[in-house]
Amino acid sequence: MSHAPHLKIISDNDAPLAAMPAISLKGFSAYYGENCIISDITLDIPRRGVTCLIGPSGAGKSTLLRSLNRINEHNAQASVSGKADVLGRDLASGYPDVTDLRRKVGMVFQTPCVFPRSISENVLFGLRGQKRPKSEKREIVERCLKAAALWDEVSRRLSDSALSLSLGQQQRLCIARALAMSPEILLLDEPTASIDPVSARAIENLVMDLSPQMTIIMVTHNIAQTKRISDHVVFLCDGKIVEAGAKTDIFSRRSLDKTRTYLTEEFCDC
């Protein structure tokens, strides 16, 4: 297991992919105005599997996700520095069209964000403008809703407004919409924090089902959830990485005292 400031998580997946991280950060920092939210992070995240970002509120977890998807780049107060490679390409210069980045890096937020359109139209929203046969569109809707464990609940009401769904269903619909783009990386910012336990467990199962196929990076405050679904864990506090490693190492006596304190008491003494 590696410790800060130079951290590399090693994947147990096949060697060629493990040798080529999905995301590689070197001296990466993120700022809002003069405030440094993430400070000098060096970290490799492997392809495939679930990496959970844990730590107290304000640690920089969500900022890291938003930076990787370039959500804040049009905000004049937001800026980044250092090196960030995503799927072997520089986060900025390698993706001159941010749409290209977001085809490869999908993101789902804590609060479900559905559009006042039908369930089907929500799934296909990212593909709008593309000329595809209706039969292909129907196949995409069915495939993605099944992958999001939502098909059985909505298959007879695909033309209904997405706003008619429960919050838990809306969150799974957001995941289906992200999956329609066939991303290689999926960023999840506390996707179960605002929904009921049954939907939360459905999303956990979904995440574990998807993990052999793609890289999933998930922010969570739920330590038990982290233990259930993660392959790798990154513990952040005050914008810095305290420790990162395989779940089996992080949840063991081999981890740092600060890490064990947070995992057992959910208290950060950083």
C-alpha atoms as a PDB file:
ATOM      1  CA  MET A   1       0.000   0.000   0.000  1.00  0.00           C
ATOM      2  CA  SER A   2       1.232   3.477  -0.875  1.00  0.00           C
ATOM      3  CA  HIS A   3       1.097   6.605   1.220  1.00  0.00           C
ATOM      4  CA  ALA A   4       1.022  10.321   0.421  1.00  0.00           C
ATOM      5  CA  PRO A   5       2.374  12.311  -1.287  1.00  0.00           C
ATOM      6  CA  HIS A   6       3.132   9.879  -4.133  1.00  0.00           C
ATOM      7  CA  LEU A   7       0.374   7.320  -4.441  1.00  0.00           C
ATOM      8  CA  LYS A   8      -0.370   4.585  -6.923  1.00  0.00           C
ATOM      9  CA  ILE A   9      -3.228   2.140  -6.589  1.00  0.00           C
ATOM     10  CA  ILE A  10      -2.400  -1.196  -8.186  1.00  0.00           C
ATOM     11  CA  SER A  11      -5.252  -3.047  -9.836  1.00  0.00           C
ATOM     12  CA  ASP A  12      -5.618  -6.811  -9.767  1.00  0.00           C
ATOM     13  CA  ASN A  13      -7.099  -6.728 -13.271  1.00  0.00           C
ATOM     14  CA  ASP A  14      -5.071  -7.852 -16.266  1.00  0.00           C
ATOM     15  CA  ALA A  15      -1.524  -6.464 -16.351  1.00  0.00           C
ATOM     16  CA  PRO A  16      -1.616  -4.349 -19.539  1.00  0.00           C
ATOM     17  CA  LEU A  17      -4.601  -2.335 -18.342  1.00  0.00           C
ATOM     18  CA  ALA A  18      -3.259  -2.126 -14.791  1.00  0.00           C
ATOM     19  CA  ALA A  19      -0.067  -0.630 -16.172  1.00  0.00           C
ATOM     20  CA  MET A  20      -2.092   2.108 -17.903  1.00  0.00           C
ATOM     21  CA  PRO A  21      -4.147   3.993 -15.298  1.00  0.00           C
ATOM     22  CA  ALA A  22      -7.507   5.397 -16.270  1.00  0.00           C
ATOM     23  CA  ILE A  23      -6.596   8.644 -14.506  1.00  0.00           C
ATOM     24  CA  SER A  24      -3.146   9.885 -13.552  1.00  0.00           C
ATOM     25  CA  LEU A  25      -2.691  13.001 -11.422  1.00  0.00           C
ATOM     26  CA  LYS A  26       0.676  14.587 -10.693  1.00  0.00           C
ATOM     27  CA  GLY A  27       0.901  17.640  -8.462  1.00  0.00           C
ATOM     28  CA  PHE A  28      -2.749  18.378  -9.253  1.00  0.00           C
ATOM     29  CA  SER A  29      -4.420  21.278  -7.438  1.00  0.00           C
ATOM     30  CA  ALA A  30      -7.814  22.949  -7.776  1.00  0.00           C
ATOM     31  CA  TYR A  31      -8.690  26.457  -6.666  1.00  0.00           C
ATOM     32  CA  TYR A  32     -11.762  28.594  -6.223  1.00  0.00           C
ATOM     33  CA  GLY A  33     -10.593  32.163  -6.263  1.00  0.00           C
ATOM     34  CA  GLU A  34      -7.652  32.304  -3.868  1.00  0.00           C
ATOM     35  CA  ASN A  35      -8.812  29.239  -1.922  1.00  0.00           C
ATOM     36  CA  CYS A  36      -6.963  26.005  -2.628  1.00  0.00           C
ATOM     37  CA  ILE A  37      -9.558  23.221  -2.478  1.00  0.00           C
ATOM     38  CA  ILE A  38      -7.305  20.348  -3.644  1.00  0.00           C
ATOM     39  CA  SER A  39      -3.599  20.593  -2.963  1.00  0.00           C
ATOM     40  CA  ASP A  40      -0.791  18.879  -4.894  1.00  0.00           C
ATOM     41  CA  ILE A  41      -2.411  15.471  -5.416  1.00  0.00           C
ATOM     42  CA  THR A  42      -0.389  12.712  -7.055  1.00  0.00           C
ATOM     43  CA  LEU A  43      -2.452   9.602  -7.698  1.00  0.00           C
ATOM     44  CA  ASP A  44      -3.048   6.881 -10.273  1.00  0.00           C
ATOM     45  CA  ILE A  45      -6.484   5.284 -10.508  1.00  0.00           C
ATOM     46  CA  PRO A  46      -6.634   1.935 -12.311  1.00  0.00           C
ATOM     47  CA  ARG A  47      -8.837   1.031 -15.205  1.00  0.00           C
ATOM     48  CA  ARG A  48     -11.918  -0.859 -14.133  1.00  0.00           C
ATOM     49  CA  GLY A  49     -13.085  -1.446 -10.589  1.00  0.00           C
ATOM     50  CA  VAL A  50     -14.608   0.875  -7.984  1.00  0.00           C
ATOM     51  CA  THR A  51     -12.510   3.550  -6.309  1.00  0.00           C
ATOM     52  CA  CYS A  52     -14.298   5.208  -3.385  1.00  0.00           C
ATOM     53  CA  LEU A  53     -13.310   8.705  -2.285  1.00  0.00           C
ATOM     54  CA  ILE A  54     -13.926   9.134   1.426  1.00  0.00           C
ATOM     55  CA  GLY A  55     -13.245  11.864   3.948  1.00  0.00           C
ATOM     56  CA  PRO A  56     -15.026  14.601   5.909  1.00  0.00           C
ATOM     57  CA  SER A  57     -17.161  17.287   4.285  1.00  0.00           C
ATOM     58  CA  GLY A  58     -14.997  19.916   2.633  1.00  0.00           C
ATOM     59  CA  ALA A  59     -12.141  17.498   1.999  1.00  0.00           C
ATOM     60  CA  GLY A  60     -12.220  18.169  -1.755  1.00  0.00           C
ATOM     61  CA  LYS A  61     -13.841  14.932  -2.930  1.00  0.00           C
ATOM     62  CA  SER A  62     -16.573  16.495  -5.054  1.00  0.00           C
ATOM     63  CA  THR A  63     -14.193  19.142  -6.356  1.00  0.00           C
ATOM     64  CA  LEU A  64     -11.909  16.391  -7.598  1.00  0.00           C
ATOM     65  CA  LEU A  65     -14.759  14.725  -9.489  1.00  0.00           C
ATOM     66  CA  ARG A  66     -15.946  17.998 -10.975  1.00  0.00           C
ATOM     67  CA  SER A  67     -12.415  18.809 -12.070  1.00  0.00           C
ATOM     68  CA  LEU A  68     -12.087  15.483 -13.859  1.00  0.00           C
ATOM     69  CA  ASN A  69     -15.280  16.221 -15.802  1.00  0.00           C
ATOM     70  CA  ARG A  70     -14.355  19.902 -16.301  1.00  0.00           C
ATOM     71  CA  ILE A  71     -17.673  20.987 -14.823  1.00  0.00           C
ATOM     72  CA  ASN A  72     -16.280  24.231 -13.401  1.00  0.00           C
ATOM     73  CA  GLU A  73     -14.101  25.362 -16.279  1.00  0.00           C
ATOM     74  CA  HIS A  74     -16.448  28.178 -17.353  1.00  0.00           C
ATOM     75  CA  ASN A  75     -16.497  29.598 -13.835  1.00  0.00           C
ATOM     76  CA  ALA A  76     -13.995  32.459 -13.754  1.00  0.00           C
ATOM     77  CA  GLN A  77     -13.303  31.752 -10.067  1.00  0.00           C
ATOM     78  CA  ALA A  78     -12.317  28.121 -10.677  1.00  0.00           C
ATOM     79  CA  SER A  79      -8.869  27.039 -11.863  1.00  0.00           C
ATOM     80  CA  VAL A  80      -6.546  24.037 -11.739  1.00  0.00           C
ATOM     81  CA  SER A  81      -2.815  23.419 -11.915  1.00  0.00           C
ATOM     82  CA  GLY A  82      -0.537  20.426 -12.248  1.00  0.00           C
ATOM     83  CA  LYS A  83      -0.830  17.413 -14.531  1.00  0.00           C
ATOM     84  CA  ALA A  84      -3.971  15.388 -15.145  1.00  0.00           C
ATOM     85  CA  ASP A  85      -4.208  12.615 -17.732  1.00  0.00           C
ATOM     86  CA  VAL A  86      -7.517  10.910 -18.483  1.00  0.00           C
ATOM     87  CA  LEU A  87      -7.414   7.716 -20.538  1.00  0.00           C
ATOM     88  CA  GLY A  88      -3.918   8.573 -21.697  1.00  0.00           C
ATOM     89  CA  ARG A  89      -4.735  12.119 -22.812  1.00  0.00           C
ATOM     90  CA  ASP A  90      -4.141  15.440 -21.079  1.00  0.00           C
ATOM     91  CA  LEU A  91      -7.331  16.573 -19.368  1.00  0.00           C
ATOM     92  CA  ALA A  92      -7.247  19.984 -21.067  1.00  0.00           C
ATOM     93  CA  SER A  93      -5.224  19.859 -24.301  1.00  0.00           C
ATOM     94  CA  GLY A  94      -6.150  16.239 -25.049  1.00  0.00           C
ATOM     95  CA  TYR A  95      -9.854  17.110 -25.058  1.00  0.00           C
ATOM     96  CA  PRO A  96     -10.208  20.468 -26.860  1.00  0.00           C
ATOM     97  CA  ASP A  97     -13.923  19.703 -27.157  1.00  0.00           C
ATOM     98  CA  VAL A  98     -15.250  19.049 -23.666  1.00  0.00           C
ATOM     99  CA  THR A  99     -18.089  17.046 -25.229  1.00  0.00           C
ATOM    100  CA  ASP A 100     -15.513  14.457 -26.285  1.00  0.00           C
ATOM    101  CA  LEU A 101     -14.320  14.193 -22.687  1.00  0.00           C
ATOM    102  CA  ARG A 102     -17.849  13.770 -21.355  1.00  0.00           C
ATOM    103  CA  ARG A 103     -18.566  10.983 -23.816  1.00  0.00           C
ATOM    104  CA  LYS A 104     -15.768   9.060 -22.152  1.00  0.00           C
ATOM    105  CA  VAL A 105     -16.245  10.341 -18.601  1.00  0.00           C
ATOM    106  CA  GLY A 106     -19.857  10.301 -17.417  1.00  0.00           C
ATOM    107  CA  MET A 107     -20.973  11.956 -14.198  1.00  0.00           C
ATOM    108  CA  VAL A 108     -23.946  11.548 -11.858  1.00  0.00           C
ATOM    109  CA  PHE A 109     -24.571  14.043  -9.064  1.00  0.00           C
ATOM    110  CA  GLN A 110     -25.876  13.685  -5.519  1.00  0.00           C
ATOM    111  CA  THR A 111     -29.274  15.190  -6.363  1.00  0.00           C
ATOM    112  CA  PRO A 112     -30.972  13.531  -9.341  1.00  0.00           C
ATOM    113  CA  CYS A 113     -31.019  15.839 -12.348  1.00  0.00           C
ATOM    114  CA  VAL A 114     -33.694  14.721 -14.786  1.00  0.00           C
ATOM    115  CA  PHE A 115     -35.165  16.785 -17.582  1.00  0.00           C
ATOM    116  CA  PRO A 116     -38.880  17.605 -17.974  1.00  0.00           C
ATOM    117  CA  ARG A 117     -39.131  15.097 -20.786  1.00  0.00           C
ATOM    118  CA  SER A 118     -40.154  11.481 -21.118  1.00  0.00           C
ATOM    119  CA  ILE A 119     -38.205   8.664 -19.536  1.00  0.00           C
ATOM    120  CA  SER A 120     -37.008   7.539 -22.972  1.00  0.00           C
ATOM    121  CA  GLU A 121     -35.944  11.046 -23.957  1.00  0.00           C
ATOM    122  CA  ASN A 122     -33.955  11.369 -20.753  1.00  0.00           C
ATOM    123  CA  VAL A 123     -32.005   8.199 -21.507  1.00  0.00           C
ATOM    124  CA  LEU A 124     -31.262   9.394 -25.051  1.00  0.00           C
ATOM    125  CA  PHE A 125     -30.568  13.017 -24.124  1.00  0.00           C
ATOM    126  CA  GLY A 126     -26.810  12.782 -24.636  1.00  0.00           C
ATOM    127  CA  LEU A 127     -27.330  11.252 -28.072  1.00  0.00           C
ATOM    128  CA  ARG A 128     -29.616  14.013 -29.343  1.00  0.00           C
ATOM    129  CA  GLY A 129     -28.651  15.235 -32.784  1.00  0.00           C
ATOM    130  CA  GLN A 130     -27.300  11.852 -33.794  1.00  0.00           C
ATOM    131  CA  LYS A 131     -29.151  10.142 -36.612  1.00  0.00           C
ATOM    132  CA  ARG A 132     -29.992   6.635 -35.439  1.00  0.00           C
ATOM    133  CA  PRO A 133     -32.797   4.267 -36.460  1.00  0.00           C
ATOM    134  CA  LYS A 134     -35.745   4.153 -34.072  1.00  0.00           C
ATOM    135  CA  SER A 135     -35.081   0.469 -33.475  1.00  0.00           C
ATOM    136  CA  GLU A 136     -31.544   1.278 -32.301  1.00  0.00           C
ATOM    137  CA  LYS A 137     -32.813   4.012 -30.007  1.00  0.00           C
ATOM    138  CA  ARG A 138     -35.318   1.590 -28.481  1.00  0.00           C
ATOM    139  CA  GLU A 139     -32.532  -0.938 -27.949  1.00  0.00           C
ATOM    140  CA  ILE A 140     -30.365   1.684 -26.231  1.00  0.00           C
ATOM    141  CA  VAL A 141     -33.199   2.722 -23.924  1.00  0.00           C
ATOM    142  CA  GLU A 142     -33.949  -0.858 -22.940  1.00  0.00           C
ATOM    143  CA  ARG A 143     -30.310  -1.835 -22.500  1.00  0.00           C
ATOM    144  CA  CYS A 144     -29.426   1.173 -20.356  1.00  0.00           C
ATOM    145  CA  LEU A 145     -32.543   0.982 -18.199  1.00  0.00           C
ATOM    146  CA  LYS A 146     -31.878  -2.712 -17.602  1.00  0.00           C
ATOM    147  CA  ALA A 147     -28.267  -1.920 -16.700  1.00  0.00           C
ATOM    148  CA  ALA A 148     -29.554   0.698 -14.249  1.00  0.00           C
ATOM    149  CA  ALA A 149     -31.987  -1.822 -12.675  1.00  0.00           C
ATOM    150  CA  LEU A 150     -34.934   0.331 -13.736  1.00  0.00           C
ATOM    151  CA  TRP A 151     -36.421  -1.429 -16.748  1.00  0.00           C
ATOM    152  CA  ASP A 152     -38.879  -3.636 -14.861  1.00  0.00           C
ATOM    153  CA  GLU A 153     -40.292  -0.595 -13.073  1.00  0.00           C
ATOM    154  CA  VAL A 154     -40.759   1.715 -16.081  1.00  0.00           C
ATOM    155  CA  SER A 155     -40.933  -0.454 -19.213  1.00  0.00           C
ATOM    156  CA  ARG A 156     -44.686   0.168 -19.578  1.00  0.00           C
ATOM    157  CA  ARG A 157     -44.443   3.931 -19.064  1.00  0.00           C
ATOM    158  CA  LEU A 158     -41.475   5.055 -21.149  1.00  0.00           C
ATOM    159  CA  SER A 159     -43.452   7.995 -22.541  1.00  0.00           C
ATOM    160  CA  ASP A 160     -44.295   9.294 -19.046  1.00  0.00           C
ATOM    161  CA  SER A 161     -42.458  12.316 -17.694  1.00  0.00           C
ATOM    162  CA  ALA A 162     -39.266  11.513 -15.830  1.00  0.00           C
ATOM    163  CA  LEU A 163     -40.490  13.917 -13.154  1.00  0.00           C
ATOM    164  CA  SER A 164     -43.177  11.386 -12.221  1.00  0.00           C
ATOM    165  CA  LEU A 165     -40.522   8.971 -10.921  1.00  0.00           C
ATOM    166  CA  SER A 166     -39.434   8.696  -7.297  1.00  0.00           C
ATOM    167  CA  LEU A 167     -36.085  10.185  -6.322  1.00  0.00           C
ATOM    168  CA  GLY A 168     -34.487   6.749  -6.259  1.00  0.00           C
ATOM    169  CA  GLN A 169     -35.836   5.970  -9.715  1.00  0.00           C
ATOM    170  CA  GLN A 170     -34.702   9.373 -10.987  1.00  0.00           C
ATOM    171  CA  GLN A 171     -31.175   8.672  -9.766  1.00  0.00           C
ATOM    172  CA  ARG A 172     -31.098   5.340 -11.562  1.00  0.00           C
ATOM    173  CA  LEU A 173     -32.431   7.110 -14.660  1.00  0.00           C
ATOM    174  CA  CYS A 174     -29.507   9.540 -14.444  1.00  0.00           C
ATOM    175  CA  ILE A 175     -27.147   6.576 -14.381  1.00  0.00           C
ATOM    176  CA  ALA A 176     -28.936   5.052 -17.398  1.00  0.00           C
ATOM    177  CA  ARG A 177     -28.529   8.370 -19.234  1.00  0.00           C
ATOM    178  CA  ALA A 178     -24.816   8.363 -18.488  1.00  0.00           C
ATOM    179  CA  LEU A 179     -24.492   4.744 -19.633  1.00  0.00           C
ATOM    180  CA  ALA A 180     -26.124   5.574 -22.973  1.00  0.00           C
ATOM    181  CA  MET A 181     -22.910   7.411 -23.887  1.00  0.00           C
ATOM    182  CA  SER A 182     -20.889   4.202 -23.337  1.00  0.00           C
ATOM    183  CA  PRO A 183     -18.390   5.923 -21.021  1.00  0.00           C
ATOM    184  CA  GLU A 184     -15.114   4.340 -19.983  1.00  0.00           C
ATOM    185  CA  ILE A 185     -15.168   6.195 -16.657  1.00  0.00           C
ATOM    186  CA  LEU A 186     -18.197   6.888 -14.473  1.00  0.00           C
ATOM    187  CA  LEU A 187     -18.007   9.548 -11.748  1.00  0.00           C
ATOM    188  CA  LEU A 188     -20.608   9.242  -8.987  1.00  0.00           C
ATOM    189  CA  ASP A 189     -20.914  12.045  -6.431  1.00  0.00           C
ATOM    190  CA  GLU A 190     -22.737  10.559  -3.424  1.00  0.00           C
ATOM    191  CA  PRO A 191     -25.378   8.961  -5.671  1.00  0.00           C
ATOM    192  CA  THR A 192     -27.203   7.282  -2.773  1.00  0.00           C
ATOM    193  CA  ALA A 193     -27.155  10.123  -0.249  1.00  0.00           C
ATOM    194  CA  SER A 194     -30.602  11.514  -1.091  1.00  0.00           C
ATOM    195  CA  ILE A 195     -32.579   8.358  -1.817  1.00  0.00           C
ATOM    196  CA  ASP A 196     -34.333   5.539   0.021  1.00  0.00           C
ATOM    197  CA  PRO A 197     -32.437   2.455   1.269  1.00  0.00           C
ATOM    198  CA  VAL A 198     -33.957   0.104  -1.323  1.00  0.00           C
ATOM    199  CA  SER A 199     -32.892   2.330  -4.226  1.00  0.00           C
ATOM    200  CA  ALA A 200     -29.509   2.871  -2.569  1.00  0.00           C
ATOM    201  CA  ARG A 201     -28.867  -0.861  -2.429  1.00  0.00           C
ATOM    202  CA  ALA A 202     -30.003  -1.190  -6.057  1.00  0.00           C
ATOM    203  CA  ILE A 203     -27.412   1.402  -7.055  1.00  0.00           C
ATOM    204  CA  GLU A 204     -24.733  -0.362  -5.018  1.00  0.00           C
ATOM    205  CA  ASN A 205     -25.507  -3.601  -6.859  1.00  0.00           C
ATOM    206  CA  LEU A 206     -25.444  -1.712 -10.149  1.00  0.00           C
ATOM    207  CA  VAL A 207     -22.041  -0.233  -9.369  1.00  0.00           C
ATOM    208  CA  MET A 208     -20.605  -3.647  -8.546  1.00  0.00           C
ATOM    209  CA  ASP A 209     -22.106  -5.131 -11.723  1.00  0.00           C
ATOM    210  CA  LEU A 210     -20.578  -2.385 -13.880  1.00  0.00           C
ATOM    211  CA  SER A 211     -17.149  -2.368 -12.224  1.00  0.00           C
ATOM    212  CA  PRO A 212     -15.591  -5.164 -14.341  1.00  0.00           C
ATOM    213  CA  GLN A 213     -16.412  -3.144 -17.463  1.00  0.00           C
ATOM    214  CA  MET A 214     -15.403   0.395 -16.532  1.00  0.00           C
ATOM    215  CA  THR A 215     -13.646   2.647 -14.060  1.00  0.00           C
ATOM    216  CA  ILE A 216     -16.029   3.913 -11.382  1.00  0.00           C
ATOM    217  CA  ILE A 217     -15.003   6.680  -8.989  1.00  0.00           C
ATOM    218  CA  MET A 218     -17.551   7.275  -6.264  1.00  0.00           C
ATOM    219  CA  VAL A 219     -17.709   9.833  -3.483  1.00  0.00           C
ATOM    220  CA  THR A 220     -19.383   8.491  -0.360  1.00  0.00           C
ATOM    221  CA  HIS A 221     -19.649   9.337   3.334  1.00  0.00           C
ATOM    222  CA  ASN A 222     -20.969   5.876   4.094  1.00  0.00           C
ATOM    223  CA  ILE A 223     -18.126   3.772   5.482  1.00  0.00           C
ATOM    224  CA  ALA A 224     -20.176   0.554   5.424  1.00  0.00           C
ATOM    225  CA  GLN A 225     -21.007   1.225   1.784  1.00  0.00           C
ATOM    226  CA  THR A 226     -17.341   1.770   1.012  1.00  0.00           C
ATOM    227  CA  LYS A 227     -16.525  -1.577   2.543  1.00  0.00           C
ATOM    228  CA  ARG A 228     -19.260  -3.299   0.528  1.00  0.00           C
ATOM    229  CA  ILE A 229     -18.581  -1.957  -2.950  1.00  0.00           C
ATOM    230  CA  SER A 230     -15.048  -0.603  -3.268  1.00  0.00           C
ATOM    231  CA  ASP A 231     -11.984  -2.220  -4.768  1.00  0.00           C
ATOM    232  CA  HIS A 232      -9.788   0.757  -3.874  1.00  0.00           C
ATOM    233  CA  VAL A 233     -10.132   3.607  -1.391  1.00  0.00           C
ATOM    234  CA  VAL A 234      -8.738   7.151  -1.352  1.00  0.00           C
ATOM    235  CA  PHE A 235      -8.988   9.002   1.955  1.00  0.00           C
ATOM    236  CA  LEU A 236      -8.854  12.796   1.616  1.00  0.00           C
ATOM    237  CA  CYS A 237      -8.782  15.498   4.266  1.00  0.00           C
ATOM    238  CA  ASP A 238      -8.261  19.250   3.873  1.00  0.00           C
ATOM    239  CA  GLY A 239      -7.690  18.871   0.138  1.00  0.00           C
ATOM    240  CA  LYS A 240      -4.873  16.351   0.511  1.00  0.00           C
ATOM    241  CA  ILE A 241      -4.640  12.596   0.295  1.00  0.00           C
ATOM    242  CA  VAL A 242      -4.023  11.029   3.673  1.00  0.00           C
ATOM    243  CA  GLU A 243      -3.838   7.477   2.344  1.00  0.00           C
ATOM    244  CA  ALA A 244      -4.855   5.387  -0.662  1.00  0.00           C
ATOM    245  CA  GLY A 245      -4.764   1.712  -1.444  1.00  0.00           C
ATOM    246  CA  ALA A 246      -6.664  -1.499  -1.999  1.00  0.00           C
ATOM    247  CA  LYS A 247      -9.748  -1.892   0.191  1.00  0.00           C
ATOM    248  CA  THR A 248      -8.215  -4.888   1.937  1.00  0.00           C
ATOM    249  CA  ASP A 249      -5.269  -2.754   3.021  1.00  0.00           C
ATOM    250  CA  ILE A 250      -7.236   0.351   3.981  1.00  0.00           C
ATOM    251  CA  PHE A 251      -9.615  -1.708   6.135  1.00  0.00           C
ATOM    252  CA  SER A 252      -6.801  -3.432   8.011  1.00  0.00           C
ATOM    253  CA  ARG A 253      -4.275  -2.797  10.723  1.00  0.00           C
ATOM    254  CA  ARG A 254      -1.755  -1.966   8.011  1.00  0.00           C
ATOM    255  CA  SER A 255      -3.472   1.365   7.365  1.00  0.00           C
ATOM    256  CA  LEU A 256      -2.402   4.622   9.001  1.00  0.00           C
ATOM    257  CA  ASP A 257      -3.678   5.500  12.465  1.00  0.00           C
ATOM    258  CA  LYS A 258      -5.523   8.515  11.011  1.00  0.00           C
ATOM    259  CA  THR A 259      -7.247   6.292   8.490  1.00  0.00           C
ATOM    260  CA  ARG A 260      -8.337   3.770  11.105  1.00  0.00           C
ATOM    261  CA  THR A 261      -9.668   6.560  13.310  1.00  0.00           C
ATOM    262  CA  TYR A 262     -11.783   7.920  10.467  1.00  0.00           C
ATOM    263  CA  LEU A 263     -13.069   4.494   9.462  1.00  0.00           C
ATOM    264  CA  THR A 264     -14.059   3.509  12.986  1.00  0.00           C
ATOM    265  CA  GLU A 265     -15.097   6.846  14.478  1.00  0.00           C
ATOM    266  CA  GLU A 266     -15.802   8.886  11.309  1.00  0.00           C
ATOM    267  CA  PHE A 267     -13.639  11.558  12.895  1.00  0.00           C
ATOM    268  CA  CYS A 268     -10.682  13.121  11.099  1.00  0.00           C
ATOM    269  CA  ASP A 269      -7.788  14.309  13.251  1.00  0.00           C
ATOM    270  CA  CYS A 270      -5.779  15.583  10.291  1.00  0.00           C
END
